[in-house]
Protein backbone atom coordinates (compact mmCIF):
# COMPACT_ATOMS: atom_id res chain seq x y z
CA UNK A 1 0.93 -14.71 -2.33
CA UNK A 2 -2.29 -14.71 -3.83
CA UNK A 3 -2.10 -14.28 -7.73
CA UNK A 4 -4.93 -12.03 -9.09
CA UNK A 5 -3.58 -11.61 -12.88
CA UNK A 6 -5.52 -13.72 -14.79
CA UNK A 7 -3.47 -15.92 -17.61
CA UNK A 8 -3.05 -14.26 -20.96
CA UNK A 9 -3.27 -10.60 -19.60
CA UNK A 10 -0.89 -8.25 -20.99
CA UNK A 11 1.55 -7.22 -17.92
CA UNK A 12 5.14 -5.53 -18.12
CA UNK A 13 8.05 -6.18 -16.00
CA UNK A 14 8.63 -2.65 -13.90
CA UNK A 15 11.54 -1.77 -11.75
CA UNK A 16 10.27 -0.54 -8.25
CA UNK A 17 12.77 2.08 -8.18
CA UNK A 18 11.24 3.57 -11.20
CA UNK A 19 8.13 3.46 -9.96
CA UNK A 20 8.86 5.29 -6.59
CA UNK A 21 10.61 8.02 -8.33
CA UNK A 22 7.43 8.54 -10.69
CA UNK A 23 5.08 8.25 -7.91
CA UNK A 24 6.68 10.72 -5.72
CA UNK A 25 6.69 12.97 -8.64
CA UNK A 26 3.14 12.75 -9.14
CA UNK A 27 2.59 13.61 -5.57
CA UNK A 28 4.94 16.23 -5.65
CA UNK A 29 3.22 17.83 -8.82
CA UNK A 30 0.39 18.14 -6.31
CA UNK A 31 1.81 19.98 -3.60
CA UNK A 32 3.12 17.22 -1.58
CA UNK A 33 6.08 18.22 0.18
CA UNK A 34 9.13 16.02 -1.21
CA UNK A 35 9.83 13.86 2.09
CA UNK A 36 6.11 12.79 2.11
CA UNK A 37 5.90 12.29 -1.30
CA UNK A 38 8.29 9.41 -1.33
CA UNK A 39 6.79 8.39 2.06
CA UNK A 40 3.35 7.57 -0.15
CA UNK A 41 5.14 6.75 -3.14
CA UNK A 42 7.24 3.83 -1.16
CA UNK A 43 3.74 2.60 0.96
CA UNK A 44 1.89 2.04 -2.62
CA UNK A 45 4.81 0.46 -3.85
CA UNK A 46 5.53 -1.61 -1.06
CA UNK A 47 1.86 -3.05 -1.47
CA UNK A 48 3.06 -4.50 -4.41
CA UNK A 49 6.45 -5.80 -3.48
CA UNK A 50 4.27 -8.19 -0.78
CA UNK A 51 2.07 -9.09 -3.22
CA UNK A 52 -0.95 -6.96 -2.45
CA UNK A 53 -2.45 -5.18 -5.95
CA UNK A 54 -5.11 -4.25 -4.42
CA UNK A 55 -3.42 -1.55 -2.55
CA UNK A 56 -0.62 -0.60 -4.46
CA UNK A 57 -0.17 1.23 -8.12
CA UNK A 58 -3.92 0.47 -8.51
CA UNK A 59 -4.61 3.11 -5.99
CA UNK A 60 -2.39 5.84 -7.24
CA UNK A 61 -5.16 7.69 -9.75
CA UNK A 62 -7.46 7.82 -6.77
CA UNK A 63 -5.08 9.49 -4.43
CA UNK A 64 -4.16 11.99 -6.69
CA UNK A 65 -7.62 12.55 -7.24
CA UNK A 66 -8.23 13.38 -4.00
CA UNK A 67 -5.25 15.86 -3.77
CA UNK A 68 -6.53 17.74 -6.84
CA UNK A 69 -10.13 18.15 -5.92
CA UNK A 70 -8.79 19.74 -2.48
CA UNK A 71 -10.36 16.59 -0.39
CA UNK A 72 -7.17 15.38 0.84
CA UNK A 73 -4.79 18.13 1.87
CA UNK A 74 -1.14 17.77 0.29
CA UNK A 75 0.74 19.28 3.43
CA UNK A 76 -0.24 17.36 6.79
CA UNK A 77 -0.91 19.70 9.40
CA UNK A 78 -0.90 17.28 12.19
CA UNK A 79 -1.65 18.43 15.93
CA UNK A 80 -1.32 17.07 19.24
CA UNK A 81 -5.02 18.08 20.64
CA UNK A 82 -4.66 15.89 23.78
CA UNK A 83 -1.36 14.73 25.71
CA UNK A 84 -2.19 12.56 28.45
CA UNK A 85 1.41 11.07 28.78
CA UNK A 86 0.64 7.35 27.22
CA UNK A 87 -2.04 8.79 25.85
CA UNK A 88 -2.30 11.48 22.94
CA UNK A 89 -4.96 12.33 20.38
CA UNK A 90 -3.48 13.14 16.89
CA UNK A 91 -5.54 15.80 14.71
CA UNK A 92 -4.26 14.54 10.95
CA UNK A 93 -5.93 17.77 9.37
CA UNK A 94 -7.49 16.09 6.32
CA UNK A 95 -3.54 15.54 5.14
CA UNK A 96 -2.42 12.28 3.12
CA UNK A 97 -3.14 9.12 5.95
CA UNK A 98 -0.15 7.67 4.99
CA UNK A 99 1.87 10.93 6.73
CA UNK A 100 -0.48 10.53 9.37
CA UNK A 101 -0.20 7.12 10.09
CA UNK A 102 3.06 7.27 9.96
CA UNK A 103 4.02 10.37 12.23
CA UNK A 104 1.19 8.65 14.49
CA UNK A 105 3.34 5.49 14.22
CA UNK A 106 6.65 7.60 15.88
CA UNK A 107 4.76 9.01 18.29
CA UNK A 108 2.85 5.73 19.95
CA UNK A 109 6.60 4.57 19.98
CA UNK A 110 8.12 7.17 21.79
CA UNK A 111 5.21 7.01 24.39
CA UNK A 112 5.68 3.69 24.81
CA UNK A 113 9.49 3.66 25.39
CA UNK A 114 9.00 5.54 27.93
CA UNK A 115 5.46 4.48 29.73
CA UNK A 116 5.62 1.17 28.52
CA UNK A 117 2.71 1.89 26.32
CA UNK A 118 1.76 4.08 23.38
CA UNK A 119 -1.66 5.00 22.59
CA UNK A 120 -2.24 7.36 19.88
CA UNK A 121 -5.92 8.42 18.43
CA UNK A 122 -6.29 9.71 15.26
CA UNK A 123 -9.35 12.25 13.64
CA UNK A 124 -9.26 13.87 10.95
CA UNK A 125 -7.12 11.61 8.59
CA UNK A 126 -7.40 9.91 5.24
CA UNK A 127 -7.00 6.48 3.60
CA UNK A 128 -3.23 5.39 4.44
CA UNK A 129 -2.88 2.06 2.59
CA UNK A 130 -1.94 -1.17 4.39
CA UNK A 131 -2.05 -1.12 8.14
CA UNK A 132 0.88 -3.65 8.12
CA UNK A 133 3.23 -1.02 6.48
CA UNK A 134 2.97 0.91 9.79
CA UNK A 135 2.70 -1.66 12.55
CA UNK A 136 5.82 -3.56 11.25
CA UNK A 137 7.48 -0.12 11.59
CA UNK A 138 6.93 -0.39 15.37
CA UNK A 139 7.79 -4.28 15.84
CA UNK A 140 11.45 -3.55 14.31
CA UNK A 141 11.62 -0.84 17.19
CA UNK A 142 10.55 -3.56 20.01
CA UNK A 143 7.15 -3.02 20.29
CA UNK A 144 4.12 -5.00 19.94
CA UNK A 145 1.92 -2.78 17.44
CA UNK A 146 -1.81 -2.59 16.70
CA UNK A 147 -3.56 -0.41 14.48
CA UNK A 148 -6.90 0.02 13.11
CA UNK A 149 -8.65 2.47 10.87
CA UNK A 150 -12.46 3.33 9.89
CA UNK A 151 -13.67 3.32 6.00
CA UNK A 152 -16.12 4.65 3.81
CA UNK A 153 -19.17 2.26 3.97
CA UNK A 154 -19.31 -1.05 1.85
CA UNK A 155 -21.03 -3.39 4.16
CA UNK A 156 -24.75 -3.48 5.60
CA UNK A 157 -25.77 -3.91 9.39
CA UNK A 158 -25.99 -7.46 9.59
CA UNK A 159 -29.56 -7.83 8.59
CA UNK A 160 -30.17 -4.81 6.54
CA UNK A 161 -29.75 -3.41 3.06
CA UNK A 162 -27.91 0.02 3.10
CA UNK A 163 -24.27 0.67 3.27
CA UNK A 164 -23.24 1.77 6.39
CA UNK A 165 -19.70 0.05 7.63
CA UNK A 166 -16.50 0.23 5.90
CA UNK A 167 -13.79 -3.34 5.81
CA UNK A 168 -12.08 -1.41 8.86
CA UNK A 169 -8.77 -3.30 8.68
CA UNK A 170 -6.86 -3.74 11.47
CA UNK A 171 -3.13 -5.22 12.14
CA UNK A 172 -0.84 -6.25 14.87
CA UNK A 173 2.60 -6.67 14.02
CA UNK A 174 5.28 -8.33 16.76
CA UNK A 175 9.11 -8.78 16.53
CA UNK A 176 10.04 -11.97 15.06
CA UNK A 177 13.56 -12.49 17.34
CA UNK A 178 15.82 -14.02 14.54
CA UNK A 179 12.67 -13.79 11.89
CA UNK A 180 11.04 -10.66 10.22
CA UNK A 181 8.11 -9.48 12.28
CA UNK A 182 5.06 -11.81 12.58
CA UNK A 183 2.19 -9.55 11.17
CA UNK A 184 -1.51 -9.75 10.62
CA UNK A 185 -3.26 -7.57 8.41
CA UNK A 186 -7.01 -8.01 7.93
CA UNK A 187 -9.91 -6.29 7.09
CA UNK A 188 -13.33 -7.34 8.50
CA UNK A 189 -15.19 -7.84 5.19
CA UNK A 190 -14.61 -11.42 3.60
CA UNK A 191 -12.57 -9.93 1.00
CA UNK A 192 -10.88 -6.22 0.72
CA UNK A 193 -13.20 -3.57 -1.30
CA UNK A 194 -9.98 -3.11 -3.66
CA UNK A 195 -9.60 -6.46 -4.89
CA UNK A 196 -13.39 -6.18 -6.00
CA UNK A 197 -12.23 -2.96 -8.37
CA UNK A 198 -9.33 -5.03 -9.54
CA UNK A 199 -11.56 -7.86 -10.45
CA UNK A 200 -13.92 -5.10 -11.89
CA UNK A 201 -10.81 -3.38 -14.16
CA UNK A 202 -9.52 -6.63 -15.16
CA UNK A 203 -13.31 -7.74 -16.54
CA UNK A 204 -13.18 -11.18 -13.97
CA UNK A 205 -15.81 -12.31 -12.22
CA UNK A 206 -15.56 -12.74 -8.30
CA UNK A 207 -16.35 -15.61 -6.06
CA UNK A 208 -19.97 -15.83 -5.08
CA UNK A 209 -19.27 -15.13 -1.19
CA UNK A 210 -17.63 -11.96 -1.61
CA UNK A 211 -20.51 -9.70 -2.38
CA UNK A 212 -24.26 -9.21 -2.50
CA UNK A 213 -25.93 -7.37 -5.29
CA UNK A 214 -28.01 -4.19 -4.11
CA UNK A 215 -31.07 -6.21 -3.17
CA UNK A 216 -29.20 -8.82 -1.21
CA UNK A 217 -28.79 -11.45 -3.64
CA UNK A 218 -25.07 -13.70 -4.02
CA UNK A 219 -23.12 -12.13 -7.32
CA UNK A 220 -20.37 -12.32 -9.25
CA UNK A 221 -20.35 -9.36 -10.93
CA UNK A 222 -17.92 -6.80 -9.86
CA UNK A 223 -20.04 -3.75 -10.82
CA UNK A 224 -23.08 -5.31 -9.05
CA UNK A 225 -20.77 -6.17 -5.98
CA UNK A 226 -19.70 -2.49 -6.42
CA UNK A 227 -23.32 -1.44 -6.26
CA UNK A 228 -24.26 -3.83 -3.53
CA UNK A 229 -22.41 -4.84 -0.32
CA UNK A 230 -19.66 -6.48 0.54
CA UNK A 231 -20.39 -9.52 2.89
CA UNK A 232 -18.37 -9.39 6.37
CA UNK A 233 -15.99 -12.16 7.06
CA UNK A 234 -17.38 -15.00 9.33
CA UNK A 235 -21.02 -13.62 8.81
CA UNK A 236 -22.27 -11.83 12.13
CA UNK A 237 -18.49 -12.15 13.43
CA UNK A 238 -17.30 -9.82 10.90
CA UNK A 239 -19.82 -7.30 11.20
CA UNK A 240 -19.70 -7.45 14.93
CA UNK A 241 -15.71 -6.87 14.57
CA UNK A 242 -16.37 -3.97 12.11
CA UNK A 243 -18.63 -1.82 13.90
CA UNK A 244 -16.03 -2.25 17.17
CA UNK A 245 -13.14 -1.19 14.83
CA UNK A 246 -14.92 1.94 13.93
CA UNK A 247 -16.31 3.09 17.39
CA UNK A 248 -12.44 2.66 18.62
CA UNK A 249 -11.24 4.36 15.45
CA UNK A 250 -13.88 6.84 14.70
CA UNK A 251 -16.35 7.64 17.68
CA UNK A 252 -13.39 7.39 20.31
CA UNK A 253 -10.96 9.90 18.48
CA UNK A 254 -13.77 12.55 17.65
CA UNK A 255 -13.85 11.61 14.06
CA UNK A 256 -16.52 10.61 11.67
CA UNK A 257 -17.85 7.15 11.60
CA UNK A 258 -20.58 5.07 10.17
CA UNK A 259 -21.26 6.38 6.75
CA UNK A 260 -20.19 9.78 7.67
CA UNK A 261 -16.83 8.51 6.43
CA UNK A 262 -15.76 8.90 2.62
CA UNK A 263 -12.95 6.37 1.09
CA UNK A 264 -10.11 6.80 -1.00
CA UNK A 265 -12.62 6.22 -3.90
CA UNK A 266 -14.61 9.33 -3.50
CA UNK A 267 -12.72 11.81 -5.16
CA UNK A 268 -14.22 14.98 -3.92
CA UNK A 269 -15.15 14.79 -0.21
CA UNK A 270 -13.04 15.09 2.79
CA UNK A 271 -12.41 11.70 4.42
CA UNK A 272 -12.78 11.94 8.29
CA UNK A 273 -11.30 8.71 8.66
CA UNK A 274 -10.13 7.85 11.92
CA UNK A 275 -7.07 5.13 13.44
CA UNK A 276 -5.81 4.06 16.66
CA UNK A 277 -2.62 3.16 17.01
CA UNK A 278 -1.22 1.18 20.14
CA UNK A 279 2.23 0.24 20.99
CA UNK A 280 3.33 -1.85 23.72
CA UNK A 281 7.48 -1.72 24.64
CA UNK A 282 8.14 -5.60 24.93
CA UNK A 283 10.71 -4.63 27.36
CA UNK A 284 8.20 -3.58 29.62
CA UNK A 285 6.94 -6.74 30.02
CA UNK A 286 9.91 -8.93 29.74
CA UNK A 287 14.10 -8.65 28.58
CA UNK A 288 14.03 -8.21 24.82
CA UNK A 289 16.45 -11.30 24.37
CA UNK A 290 14.11 -13.54 26.50
CA UNK A 291 11.02 -12.34 24.17
CA UNK A 292 13.09 -12.99 21.14
CA UNK A 293 13.68 -16.71 22.49
CA UNK A 294 10.37 -17.12 22.70
CA UNK A 295 8.97 -16.07 19.53
CA UNK A 296 11.59 -18.01 17.70
CA UNK A 297 10.15 -21.13 19.25
CA UNK A 298 6.52 -20.09 18.82
CA UNK A 299 7.63 -19.93 15.21
CA UNK A 300 9.73 -23.07 15.27
CA UNK A 301 6.86 -24.71 16.85
CA UNK A 302 4.30 -23.58 14.26
CA UNK A 303 6.40 -24.96 11.18
CA UNK A 304 7.06 -27.95 13.42
CA UNK A 305 3.60 -29.97 11.48
CA UNK A 306 3.01 -32.16 8.75
CA UNK A 307 2.54 -30.20 5.69
CA UNK A 308 -0.71 -30.85 3.82
CA UNK A 309 -1.22 -31.58 0.11
CA UNK A 310 -1.25 -28.81 -2.06
CA UNK A 311 1.00 -26.85 0.16
CA UNK A 312 4.57 -26.27 -0.11
CA UNK A 313 5.40 -25.40 3.78
CA UNK A 314 3.94 -24.02 6.81
CA UNK A 315 4.17 -20.01 7.09
CA UNK A 316 4.25 -17.88 10.02
CA UNK A 317 1.87 -14.39 9.54
CA UNK A 318 3.83 -12.20 7.65
CA UNK A 319 6.30 -14.59 5.97
CA UNK A 320 4.12 -14.76 2.59
CA UNK A 321 5.25 -11.16 2.35
CA UNK A 322 8.75 -11.26 2.89
CA UNK A 323 9.19 -13.93 0.46
CA UNK A 324 7.23 -12.39 -2.29
CA UNK A 325 9.27 -8.79 -1.61
CA UNK A 326 12.22 -10.65 -1.75
CA UNK A 327 11.27 -12.44 -5.21
CA UNK A 328 10.11 -8.67 -6.83
CA UNK A 329 13.32 -7.04 -5.37
CA UNK A 330 15.56 -9.29 -7.32
CA UNK A 331 13.07 -9.82 -10.81
CA UNK A 332 10.92 -6.80 -10.50
CA UNK A 333 7.23 -6.04 -10.85
CA UNK A 334 5.09 -7.08 -12.97
CA UNK A 335 2.27 -4.89 -13.36
CA UNK A 336 -1.00 -5.56 -15.37
CA UNK A 337 -1.95 -3.59 -18.59
CA UNK A 338 -4.79 -1.89 -17.25
CA UNK A 339 -2.99 -0.52 -14.20
CA UNK A 340 -0.06 1.01 -16.45
CA UNK A 341 -2.93 2.56 -18.78
CA UNK A 342 -4.22 4.39 -15.65
CA UNK A 343 -0.41 5.60 -14.74
CA UNK A 344 0.12 7.10 -17.66
CA UNK A 345 -2.89 8.82 -17.95
CA UNK A 346 -1.86 10.08 -14.31
CA UNK A 347 1.12 11.26 -15.78
CA UNK A 348 -0.07 13.06 -18.45
CA UNK A 349 -2.77 15.09 -15.89
CA UNK A 350 0.38 15.39 -13.45
CA UNK A 351 2.46 16.91 -16.28
CA UNK A 352 5.43 14.30 -15.03
CA UNK A 353 7.84 11.82 -17.46
CA UNK A 354 5.78 8.48 -17.98
CA UNK A 355 8.97 6.14 -17.80
CA UNK A 356 7.29 2.95 -18.57
């Protein structure tokens, strides 16, 4: 788990259940139905539990601002506008991305269990947090799950100097046999934009390979990075991957794409985000017992190598998050002072008690 808390920073230990209750109350104050508010709260808290503070409680104020402005509608009026059996197109109606994505996961799994594969293309959604929150749900129901999404622009096309492409994350999760799901969750940028926001809030420099300024020069200043461009991972390869995720998420779904998408940092413009959800029913490929035995053997083989200096063990994808979650469930979450201060501000605006 990457530790983004600087030495000497003021922090506070908070119980995850208290965070969920508080966050759900904030969402309900903005008109989100109770069950949806609980889901949205859990996605934020769970990101912190996994050690991904860039996608955790740091973001509550951004989502709340979008609800208050009307850019994101509090009630997700989702509709299936194309029903082709194994394939469907869902319109999210500009509702909360977390609710839209959860409904799409459930729909894709149902279709996969019936047809072997379930594909749900989603238009008119919003940012939904971490991809792995949703792909793990499908993996826990016996499916290999793929989810991708476009996002507000923060990367320039390779060789250009204008924001056009989002970090455009994607995730794949597979059942883990006797282990938790095997999960990949990554953006096509070298770093998630949220980590640069996190560094800016903490007045920390960023690594020079994360971003360039508006003139295309490497920078360690997070403010200059946010005004400039986040760099794609692996150079031009990350650029190409980001483009293809946008094609599959935005163009194919009939949603917005490129710089017509607005991210969670924008408090007033509708998002237009699109997603693609694919569920593969493992039992349609081979008996589940056989797959479980094979994935157990796969994980065992991954771990059956000498441990390199500076490492404590070999992890399979998703294992770090599982271990972080167990630690935080036992010890509570440690949140930085700037995040807690922002939560207090949101509590005042929402008119809900601030319990921390």
